[in-house]
Amino acid sequence: MSVAFTKEDSAETAAETLLPDRPISSHANLVTEAGLRALQQALEQARLAYDAASTVSDVNERRRQAAIPLRDLRYYAERVRTAQLMPEPAATDTVAFGSTVTFRRADGRVQTYRIVGEDEAEPGTGTISHVSPVARVLLDRAVGDVVSLGAQEFEITAIA
């Protein structure tokens, strides 16, 4: 095999193993208890995947298989390190981190979301990040308040 093929393979391997870090939000890393547990589990899964990749005997294949778990290890270690565990809301008179909010849009649609940390937010399952535009306009508001986001208006109908 010529050296040219070796260099090409090495460049290809290097590109596959030097993954950029996952972006870390500049916002406070507020989490619920469930969110903290999920971050800790993701960190453990990344550790296990990295450990498994470390057992591969071929150095280039080991680097390829370890690239994603290593990136995830760095990300989740930082997210667990900076997590600020927030208590459950003590009251339901105003919207707070951890609250479940129901609101009606001007077009009549009713939506319910729980306000949680960035890493645990999944709008499709009913959770939104505390830094999302919708959560930002809802925080510190009460039932009956009407808030605006751009051209849209929401009326808060329930807080749990």
N, C-alpha and C. Protein backbone atom coordinates (compact mmCIF):
# COMPACT_ATOMS: atom_id res chain seq x y z
N MET A 1 0.84 -1.16 0.00
CA MET A 1 0.00 0.00 0.00
C MET A 1 0.89 1.23 0.00
N SER A 2 0.50 2.22 -0.81
CA SER A 2 1.33 3.41 -0.90
C SER A 2 1.08 4.33 0.30
N VAL A 3 2.02 5.22 0.52
CA VAL A 3 1.92 6.17 1.60
C VAL A 3 0.73 7.11 1.38
N ALA A 4 0.42 7.40 0.12
CA ALA A 4 -0.70 8.30 -0.18
C ALA A 4 -2.00 7.75 0.39
N PHE A 5 -2.19 6.44 0.26
CA PHE A 5 -3.42 5.85 0.80
C PHE A 5 -3.43 5.91 2.33
N THR A 6 -2.28 5.73 2.93
CA THR A 6 -2.18 5.78 4.38
C THR A 6 -2.50 7.19 4.88
N LYS A 7 -1.96 8.21 4.21
CA LYS A 7 -2.22 9.58 4.62
C LYS A 7 -3.69 9.92 4.45
N GLU A 8 -4.28 9.48 3.34
CA GLU A 8 -5.70 9.76 3.11
C GLU A 8 -6.53 9.10 4.21
N ASP A 9 -6.17 7.86 4.54
CA ASP A 9 -6.90 7.16 5.60
C ASP A 9 -6.72 7.88 6.93
N SER A 10 -5.50 8.36 7.18
CA SER A 10 -5.24 9.05 8.43
C SER A 10 -6.01 10.36 8.50
N ALA A 11 -6.08 11.10 7.40
CA ALA A 11 -6.83 12.36 7.38
C ALA A 11 -8.31 12.08 7.57
N GLU A 12 -8.78 11.02 6.93
CA GLU A 12 -10.19 10.64 7.06
C GLU A 12 -10.49 10.26 8.51
N THR A 13 -9.61 9.49 9.11
CA THR A 13 -9.79 9.07 10.50
C THR A 13 -9.76 10.28 11.43
N ALA A 14 -8.83 11.20 11.19
CA ALA A 14 -8.74 12.38 12.04
C ALA A 14 -10.03 13.20 11.96
N ALA A 15 -10.58 13.35 10.78
CA ALA A 15 -11.83 14.11 10.62
C ALA A 15 -12.97 13.44 11.36
N GLU A 16 -12.96 12.12 11.42
CA GLU A 16 -14.04 11.39 12.09
C GLU A 16 -13.87 11.38 13.60
N THR A 17 -12.66 11.63 14.09
CA THR A 17 -12.42 11.52 15.53
C THR A 17 -12.30 12.87 16.23
N LEU A 18 -12.20 13.94 15.49
CA LEU A 18 -12.09 15.27 16.10
C LEU A 18 -13.42 16.00 15.92
N LEU A 19 -14.39 15.57 16.67
CA LEU A 19 -15.72 16.17 16.57
C LEU A 19 -15.77 17.46 17.39
N PRO A 20 -16.48 18.46 16.88
CA PRO A 20 -16.62 19.68 17.67
C PRO A 20 -17.47 19.42 18.90
N ASP A 21 -17.22 20.17 19.95
CA ASP A 21 -18.02 20.02 21.17
C ASP A 21 -19.46 20.40 20.90
N ARG A 22 -20.36 19.78 21.64
CA ARG A 22 -21.77 20.16 21.57
C ARG A 22 -21.88 21.55 22.19
N PRO A 23 -22.67 22.43 21.60
CA PRO A 23 -22.78 23.77 22.17
C PRO A 23 -23.41 23.75 23.56
N ILE A 24 -22.87 24.57 24.43
CA ILE A 24 -23.38 24.69 25.79
C ILE A 24 -24.06 26.06 25.90
N SER A 25 -25.27 26.05 26.36
CA SER A 25 -26.05 27.27 26.49
C SER A 25 -25.39 28.25 27.45
N SER A 26 -25.58 29.52 27.17
CA SER A 26 -25.05 30.55 28.07
C SER A 26 -26.04 30.85 29.20
N HIS A 27 -27.24 30.29 29.14
CA HIS A 27 -28.24 30.51 30.17
C HIS A 27 -27.95 29.65 31.40
N ALA A 28 -28.49 30.05 32.53
CA ALA A 28 -28.36 29.27 33.76
C ALA A 28 -28.91 27.86 33.50
N ASN A 29 -28.21 26.86 33.99
CA ASN A 29 -28.58 25.46 33.76
C ASN A 29 -29.54 25.00 34.86
N LEU A 30 -30.75 25.54 34.83
CA LEU A 30 -31.77 25.16 35.81
C LEU A 30 -32.32 23.79 35.44
N VAL A 31 -32.53 22.94 36.44
CA VAL A 31 -33.06 21.59 36.19
C VAL A 31 -34.07 21.20 37.26
N THR A 32 -34.98 20.33 36.87
CA THR A 32 -35.87 19.69 37.83
C THR A 32 -35.15 18.45 38.36
N GLU A 33 -35.72 17.80 39.36
CA GLU A 33 -35.11 16.56 39.85
C GLU A 33 -35.02 15.53 38.73
N ALA A 34 -36.10 15.40 37.95
CA ALA A 34 -36.10 14.44 36.83
C ALA A 34 -35.06 14.84 35.79
N GLY A 35 -34.90 16.13 35.57
CA GLY A 35 -33.91 16.60 34.60
C GLY A 35 -32.49 16.30 35.04
N LEU A 36 -32.21 16.47 36.32
CA LEU A 36 -30.88 16.15 36.84
C LEU A 36 -30.61 14.66 36.72
N ARG A 37 -31.60 13.84 37.07
CA ARG A 37 -31.43 12.38 36.93
C ARG A 37 -31.17 12.01 35.46
N ALA A 38 -31.87 12.64 34.54
CA ALA A 38 -31.69 12.35 33.11
C ALA A 38 -30.28 12.74 32.66
N LEU A 39 -29.78 13.88 33.13
CA LEU A 39 -28.41 14.28 32.80
C LEU A 39 -27.40 13.29 33.35
N GLN A 40 -27.61 12.85 34.59
CA GLN A 40 -26.70 11.89 35.20
C GLN A 40 -26.72 10.56 34.45
N GLN A 41 -27.90 10.13 34.03
CA GLN A 41 -28.01 8.88 33.27
C GLN A 41 -27.33 9.01 31.91
N ALA A 42 -27.51 10.16 31.25
CA ALA A 42 -26.86 10.38 29.95
C ALA A 42 -25.34 10.38 30.11
N LEU A 43 -24.85 10.96 31.20
CA LEU A 43 -23.41 10.96 31.47
C LEU A 43 -22.92 9.53 31.67
N GLU A 44 -23.65 8.74 32.42
CA GLU A 44 -23.27 7.34 32.65
C GLU A 44 -23.29 6.54 31.35
N GLN A 45 -24.29 6.76 30.52
CA GLN A 45 -24.35 6.07 29.23
C GLN A 45 -23.18 6.45 28.34
N ALA A 46 -22.81 7.73 28.35
CA ALA A 46 -21.65 8.16 27.57
C ALA A 46 -20.38 7.51 28.09
N ARG A 47 -20.26 7.39 29.42
CA ARG A 47 -19.08 6.71 30.01
C ARG A 47 -19.02 5.26 29.57
N LEU A 48 -20.16 4.57 29.62
CA LEU A 48 -20.20 3.16 29.21
C LEU A 48 -19.85 3.00 27.73
N ALA A 49 -20.38 3.89 26.89
CA ALA A 49 -20.08 3.82 25.45
C ALA A 49 -18.61 4.10 25.19
N TYR A 50 -18.05 5.06 25.92
CA TYR A 50 -16.63 5.35 25.77
C TYR A 50 -15.77 4.17 26.23
N ASP A 51 -16.13 3.59 27.37
CA ASP A 51 -15.40 2.43 27.87
C ASP A 51 -15.46 1.27 26.87
N ALA A 52 -16.62 1.05 26.28
CA ALA A 52 -16.76 -0.02 25.28
C ALA A 52 -15.90 0.27 24.06
N ALA A 53 -15.87 1.51 23.61
CA ALA A 53 -15.07 1.87 22.45
C ALA A 53 -13.58 1.74 22.76
N SER A 54 -13.20 1.95 23.99
CA SER A 54 -11.79 1.88 24.38
C SER A 54 -11.23 0.48 24.30
N THR A 55 -12.08 -0.52 24.22
CA THR A 55 -11.61 -1.91 24.16
C THR A 55 -11.31 -2.37 22.74
N VAL A 56 -11.67 -1.57 21.74
CA VAL A 56 -11.41 -1.94 20.34
C VAL A 56 -9.91 -1.94 20.10
N SER A 57 -9.41 -3.01 19.50
CA SER A 57 -7.96 -3.13 19.35
C SER A 57 -7.36 -2.27 18.24
N ASP A 58 -8.06 -2.09 17.14
CA ASP A 58 -7.55 -1.25 16.05
C ASP A 58 -7.64 0.21 16.47
N VAL A 59 -6.51 0.91 16.48
CA VAL A 59 -6.45 2.28 16.99
C VAL A 59 -7.36 3.23 16.21
N ASN A 60 -7.39 3.11 14.89
CA ASN A 60 -8.24 4.00 14.10
C ASN A 60 -9.72 3.73 14.36
N GLU A 61 -10.09 2.48 14.44
CA GLU A 61 -11.48 2.12 14.71
C GLU A 61 -11.86 2.54 16.13
N ARG A 62 -10.93 2.41 17.07
CA ARG A 62 -11.18 2.82 18.45
C ARG A 62 -11.46 4.32 18.49
N ARG A 63 -10.66 5.10 17.78
CA ARG A 63 -10.87 6.55 17.76
C ARG A 63 -12.22 6.90 17.15
N ARG A 64 -12.57 6.21 16.05
CA ARG A 64 -13.86 6.45 15.40
C ARG A 64 -15.02 6.16 16.36
N GLN A 65 -14.95 5.00 17.02
CA GLN A 65 -16.04 4.60 17.90
C GLN A 65 -16.10 5.42 19.18
N ALA A 66 -14.98 5.98 19.59
CA ALA A 66 -14.95 6.76 20.83
C ALA A 66 -15.29 8.23 20.62
N ALA A 67 -15.30 8.70 19.39
CA ALA A 67 -15.48 10.13 19.12
C ALA A 67 -16.79 10.68 19.69
N ILE A 68 -17.90 10.06 19.38
CA ILE A 68 -19.19 10.57 19.86
C ILE A 68 -19.32 10.41 21.38
N PRO A 69 -19.00 9.24 21.94
CA PRO A 69 -19.09 9.13 23.40
C PRO A 69 -18.18 10.12 24.13
N LEU A 70 -17.00 10.40 23.59
CA LEU A 70 -16.09 11.35 24.24
C LEU A 70 -16.68 12.76 24.20
N ARG A 71 -17.24 13.13 23.07
CA ARG A 71 -17.90 14.45 22.97
C ARG A 71 -19.07 14.52 23.96
N ASP A 72 -19.88 13.44 24.01
CA ASP A 72 -21.01 13.42 24.94
C ASP A 72 -20.56 13.45 26.39
N LEU A 73 -19.46 12.79 26.71
CA LEU A 73 -18.90 12.82 28.07
C LEU A 73 -18.58 14.25 28.47
N ARG A 74 -17.92 14.98 27.59
CA ARG A 74 -17.57 16.37 27.90
C ARG A 74 -18.83 17.21 28.12
N TYR A 75 -19.81 17.03 27.23
CA TYR A 75 -21.04 17.80 27.33
C TYR A 75 -21.80 17.50 28.62
N TYR A 76 -22.09 16.23 28.86
CA TYR A 76 -22.90 15.87 30.03
C TYR A 76 -22.16 16.12 31.34
N ALA A 77 -20.85 15.96 31.36
CA ALA A 77 -20.09 16.27 32.58
C ALA A 77 -20.24 17.75 32.92
N GLU A 78 -20.17 18.59 31.91
CA GLU A 78 -20.33 20.03 32.15
C GLU A 78 -21.76 20.36 32.57
N ARG A 79 -22.76 19.72 31.94
CA ARG A 79 -24.15 20.01 32.28
C ARG A 79 -24.48 19.53 33.70
N VAL A 80 -23.94 18.39 34.10
CA VAL A 80 -24.17 17.91 35.47
C VAL A 80 -23.44 18.84 36.45
N ARG A 81 -22.22 19.24 36.11
CA ARG A 81 -21.43 20.11 36.99
C ARG A 81 -22.11 21.45 37.22
N THR A 82 -22.75 22.00 36.19
CA THR A 82 -23.35 23.33 36.30
C THR A 82 -24.84 23.31 36.63
N ALA A 83 -25.41 22.12 36.79
CA ALA A 83 -26.86 22.02 37.06
C ALA A 83 -27.23 22.71 38.35
N GLN A 84 -28.31 23.47 38.29
CA GLN A 84 -28.85 24.14 39.47
C GLN A 84 -30.22 23.54 39.72
N LEU A 85 -30.28 22.64 40.69
CA LEU A 85 -31.53 21.96 41.01
C LEU A 85 -32.52 22.95 41.59
N MET A 86 -33.67 23.04 40.93
CA MET A 86 -34.71 23.97 41.37
C MET A 86 -35.79 23.21 42.13
N PRO A 87 -36.26 23.77 43.22
CA PRO A 87 -37.34 23.11 43.97
C PRO A 87 -38.65 23.17 43.18
N GLU A 88 -39.54 22.27 43.51
CA GLU A 88 -40.88 22.32 42.92
C GLU A 88 -41.52 23.64 43.32
N PRO A 89 -42.34 24.23 42.46
CA PRO A 89 -42.98 25.50 42.83
C PRO A 89 -43.79 25.34 44.13
N ALA A 90 -43.63 26.27 45.02
CA ALA A 90 -44.31 26.21 46.32
C ALA A 90 -45.78 26.58 46.22
N ALA A 91 -46.12 27.35 45.19
CA ALA A 91 -47.50 27.80 45.04
C ALA A 91 -47.89 27.75 43.56
N THR A 92 -49.18 27.89 43.33
CA THR A 92 -49.66 27.86 41.94
C THR A 92 -50.35 29.17 41.57
N ASP A 93 -50.05 30.22 42.30
CA ASP A 93 -50.68 31.50 41.98
C ASP A 93 -50.00 32.21 40.81
N THR A 94 -48.71 31.96 40.61
CA THR A 94 -48.01 32.50 39.45
C THR A 94 -47.16 31.42 38.79
N VAL A 95 -46.87 31.61 37.53
CA VAL A 95 -46.07 30.65 36.77
C VAL A 95 -44.61 30.75 37.21
N ALA A 96 -44.01 29.61 37.50
CA ALA A 96 -42.61 29.55 37.92
C ALA A 96 -41.95 28.37 37.21
N PHE A 97 -40.63 28.29 37.37
CA PHE A 97 -39.90 27.14 36.84
C PHE A 97 -40.50 25.89 37.48
N GLY A 98 -40.83 24.90 36.67
CA GLY A 98 -41.43 23.66 37.17
C GLY A 98 -42.94 23.66 37.12
N SER A 99 -43.55 24.81 36.89
CA SER A 99 -45.01 24.89 36.80
C SER A 99 -45.52 24.24 35.51
N THR A 100 -46.74 23.72 35.61
CA THR A 100 -47.45 23.26 34.42
C THR A 100 -48.50 24.32 34.13
N VAL A 101 -48.43 24.89 32.95
CA VAL A 101 -49.27 26.02 32.58
C VAL A 101 -50.19 25.64 31.43
N THR A 102 -51.47 25.97 31.56
CA THR A 102 -52.42 25.79 30.47
C THR A 102 -52.81 27.19 30.00
N PHE A 103 -52.80 27.38 28.70
CA PHE A 103 -53.17 28.67 28.13
C PHE A 103 -53.97 28.47 26.85
N ARG A 104 -54.77 29.48 26.55
CA ARG A 104 -55.59 29.45 25.35
C ARG A 104 -55.04 30.51 24.39
N ARG A 105 -54.84 30.08 23.16
CA ARG A 105 -54.38 31.01 22.13
C ARG A 105 -55.58 31.77 21.57
N ALA A 106 -55.33 32.85 20.89
CA ALA A 106 -56.40 33.67 20.32
C ALA A 106 -57.25 32.88 19.32
N ASP A 107 -56.65 31.86 18.68
CA ASP A 107 -57.42 31.06 17.71
C ASP A 107 -58.23 29.95 18.38
N GLY A 108 -58.21 29.90 19.73
CA GLY A 108 -59.01 28.94 20.47
C GLY A 108 -58.28 27.68 20.90
N ARG A 109 -57.09 27.45 20.36
CA ARG A 109 -56.33 26.27 20.76
C ARG A 109 -55.92 26.39 22.22
N VAL A 110 -56.03 25.27 22.92
CA VAL A 110 -55.61 25.21 24.32
C VAL A 110 -54.37 24.32 24.39
N GLN A 111 -53.32 24.81 25.06
CA GLN A 111 -52.08 24.05 25.18
C GLN A 111 -51.64 24.03 26.64
N THR A 112 -50.99 22.94 27.00
CA THR A 112 -50.47 22.78 28.35
C THR A 112 -49.00 22.37 28.25
N TYR A 113 -48.15 23.10 28.96
CA TYR A 113 -46.72 22.79 29.00
C TYR A 113 -46.21 22.92 30.42
N ARG A 114 -45.21 22.10 30.72
CA ARG A 114 -44.47 22.24 31.98
C ARG A 114 -43.17 22.95 31.64
N ILE A 115 -42.79 23.93 32.43
CA ILE A 115 -41.57 24.69 32.19
C ILE A 115 -40.41 24.02 32.92
N VAL A 116 -39.41 23.60 32.14
CA VAL A 116 -38.31 22.80 32.66
C VAL A 116 -36.97 23.32 32.12
N GLY A 117 -35.90 22.60 32.43
CA GLY A 117 -34.57 22.96 31.95
C GLY A 117 -34.40 22.69 30.47
N GLU A 118 -33.37 23.29 29.90
CA GLU A 118 -33.12 23.18 28.45
C GLU A 118 -32.92 21.75 27.98
N ASP A 119 -32.17 20.95 28.73
CA ASP A 119 -31.86 19.60 28.29
C ASP A 119 -33.05 18.66 28.40
N GLU A 120 -34.03 19.00 29.22
CA GLU A 120 -35.17 18.10 29.41
C GLU A 120 -36.41 18.54 28.63
N ALA A 121 -36.33 19.67 27.96
CA ALA A 121 -37.47 20.19 27.22
C ALA A 121 -37.75 19.37 25.96
N GLU A 122 -39.00 18.96 25.82
CA GLU A 122 -39.48 18.24 24.63
C GLU A 122 -40.92 18.69 24.38
N PRO A 123 -41.10 19.74 23.59
CA PRO A 123 -42.45 20.27 23.37
C PRO A 123 -43.47 19.21 22.93
N GLY A 124 -43.04 18.24 22.18
CA GLY A 124 -43.95 17.19 21.73
C GLY A 124 -44.53 16.36 22.86
N THR A 125 -43.83 16.35 24.00
CA THR A 125 -44.32 15.59 25.15
C THR A 125 -44.81 16.51 26.27
N GLY A 126 -44.92 17.81 25.97
CA GLY A 126 -45.52 18.72 26.94
C GLY A 126 -44.56 19.46 27.84
N THR A 127 -43.29 19.56 27.48
CA THR A 127 -42.36 20.34 28.29
C THR A 127 -41.65 21.35 27.40
N ILE A 128 -41.44 22.55 27.94
CA ILE A 128 -40.70 23.58 27.22
C ILE A 128 -39.62 24.14 28.12
N SER A 129 -38.57 24.62 27.50
CA SER A 129 -37.44 25.19 28.22
C SER A 129 -37.81 26.53 28.85
N HIS A 130 -37.26 26.78 30.00
CA HIS A 130 -37.49 28.06 30.68
C HIS A 130 -36.97 29.24 29.91
N VAL A 131 -36.10 29.02 28.93
CA VAL A 131 -35.57 30.12 28.12
C VAL A 131 -36.29 30.24 26.78
N SER A 132 -37.28 29.40 26.53
CA SER A 132 -38.03 29.51 25.28
C SER A 132 -38.86 30.79 25.30
N PRO A 133 -39.15 31.35 24.14
CA PRO A 133 -39.94 32.58 24.11
C PRO A 133 -41.30 32.45 24.80
N VAL A 134 -41.98 31.32 24.61
CA VAL A 134 -43.28 31.13 25.25
C VAL A 134 -43.13 31.12 26.77
N ALA A 135 -42.16 30.36 27.28
CA ALA A 135 -41.96 30.30 28.74
C ALA A 135 -41.60 31.67 29.30
N ARG A 136 -40.78 32.39 28.60
CA ARG A 136 -40.36 33.71 29.10
C ARG A 136 -41.55 34.65 29.29
N VAL A 137 -42.53 34.62 28.37
CA VAL A 137 -43.68 35.52 28.53
C VAL A 137 -44.66 35.01 29.58
N LEU A 138 -44.61 33.70 29.88
CA LEU A 138 -45.52 33.14 30.87
C LEU A 138 -45.02 33.26 32.31
N LEU A 139 -43.71 33.24 32.50
CA LEU A 139 -43.14 33.26 33.85
C LEU A 139 -43.61 34.48 34.63
N ASP A 140 -43.93 34.26 35.89
CA ASP A 140 -44.36 35.28 36.85
C ASP A 140 -45.75 35.84 36.54
N ARG A 141 -46.50 35.18 35.68
CA ARG A 141 -47.86 35.62 35.37
C ARG A 141 -48.86 34.76 36.12
N ALA A 142 -50.12 35.21 36.18
CA ALA A 142 -51.17 34.52 36.94
C ALA A 142 -52.31 34.09 36.02
N VAL A 143 -53.18 33.23 36.55
CA VAL A 143 -54.36 32.81 35.81
C VAL A 143 -55.18 34.05 35.44
N GLY A 144 -55.62 34.10 34.19
CA GLY A 144 -56.38 35.23 33.70
C GLY A 144 -55.54 36.25 32.97
N ASP A 145 -54.23 36.23 33.20
CA ASP A 145 -53.35 37.17 32.49
C ASP A 145 -53.33 36.83 31.01
N VAL A 146 -53.28 37.87 30.19
CA VAL A 146 -53.13 37.71 28.74
C VAL A 146 -51.74 38.24 28.40
N VAL A 147 -50.95 37.41 27.74
CA VAL A 147 -49.59 37.80 27.37
C VAL A 147 -49.47 37.76 25.86
N SER A 148 -48.54 38.55 25.35
CA SER A 148 -48.32 38.61 23.91
C SER A 148 -46.92 38.13 23.56
N LEU A 149 -46.85 37.46 22.45
CA LEU A 149 -45.57 37.04 21.88
C LEU A 149 -45.66 37.32 20.39
N GLY A 150 -45.02 38.39 19.98
CA GLY A 150 -45.18 38.82 18.60
C GLY A 150 -46.63 39.21 18.38
N ALA A 151 -47.24 38.64 17.34
CA ALA A 151 -48.64 38.93 17.03
C ALA A 151 -49.60 37.99 17.75
N GLN A 152 -49.07 37.03 18.51
CA GLN A 152 -49.92 36.05 19.19
C GLN A 152 -50.22 36.48 20.62
N GLU A 153 -51.43 36.13 21.06
CA GLU A 153 -51.81 36.37 22.45
C GLU A 153 -52.20 35.05 23.09
N PHE A 154 -51.84 34.90 24.37
CA PHE A 154 -52.17 33.71 25.15
C PHE A 154 -52.86 34.18 26.42
N GLU A 155 -53.92 33.47 26.81
CA GLU A 155 -54.55 33.73 28.10
C GLU A 155 -54.26 32.53 28.99
N ILE A 156 -53.68 32.78 30.14
CA ILE A 156 -53.38 31.70 31.09
C ILE A 156 -54.68 31.27 31.74
N THR A 157 -54.99 29.97 31.62
CA THR A 157 -56.24 29.44 32.18
C THR A 157 -56.03 28.56 33.40
N ALA A 158 -54.82 28.03 33.60
CA ALA A 158 -54.55 27.19 34.76
C ALA A 158 -53.05 27.11 35.01
N ILE A 159 -52.72 26.97 36.29
CA ILE A 159 -51.32 26.77 36.71
C ILE A 159 -51.33 25.63 37.72
N ALA A 160 -50.50 24.65 37.50
CA ALA A 160 -50.41 23.53 38.44
C ALA A 160 -48.96 23.31 38.84
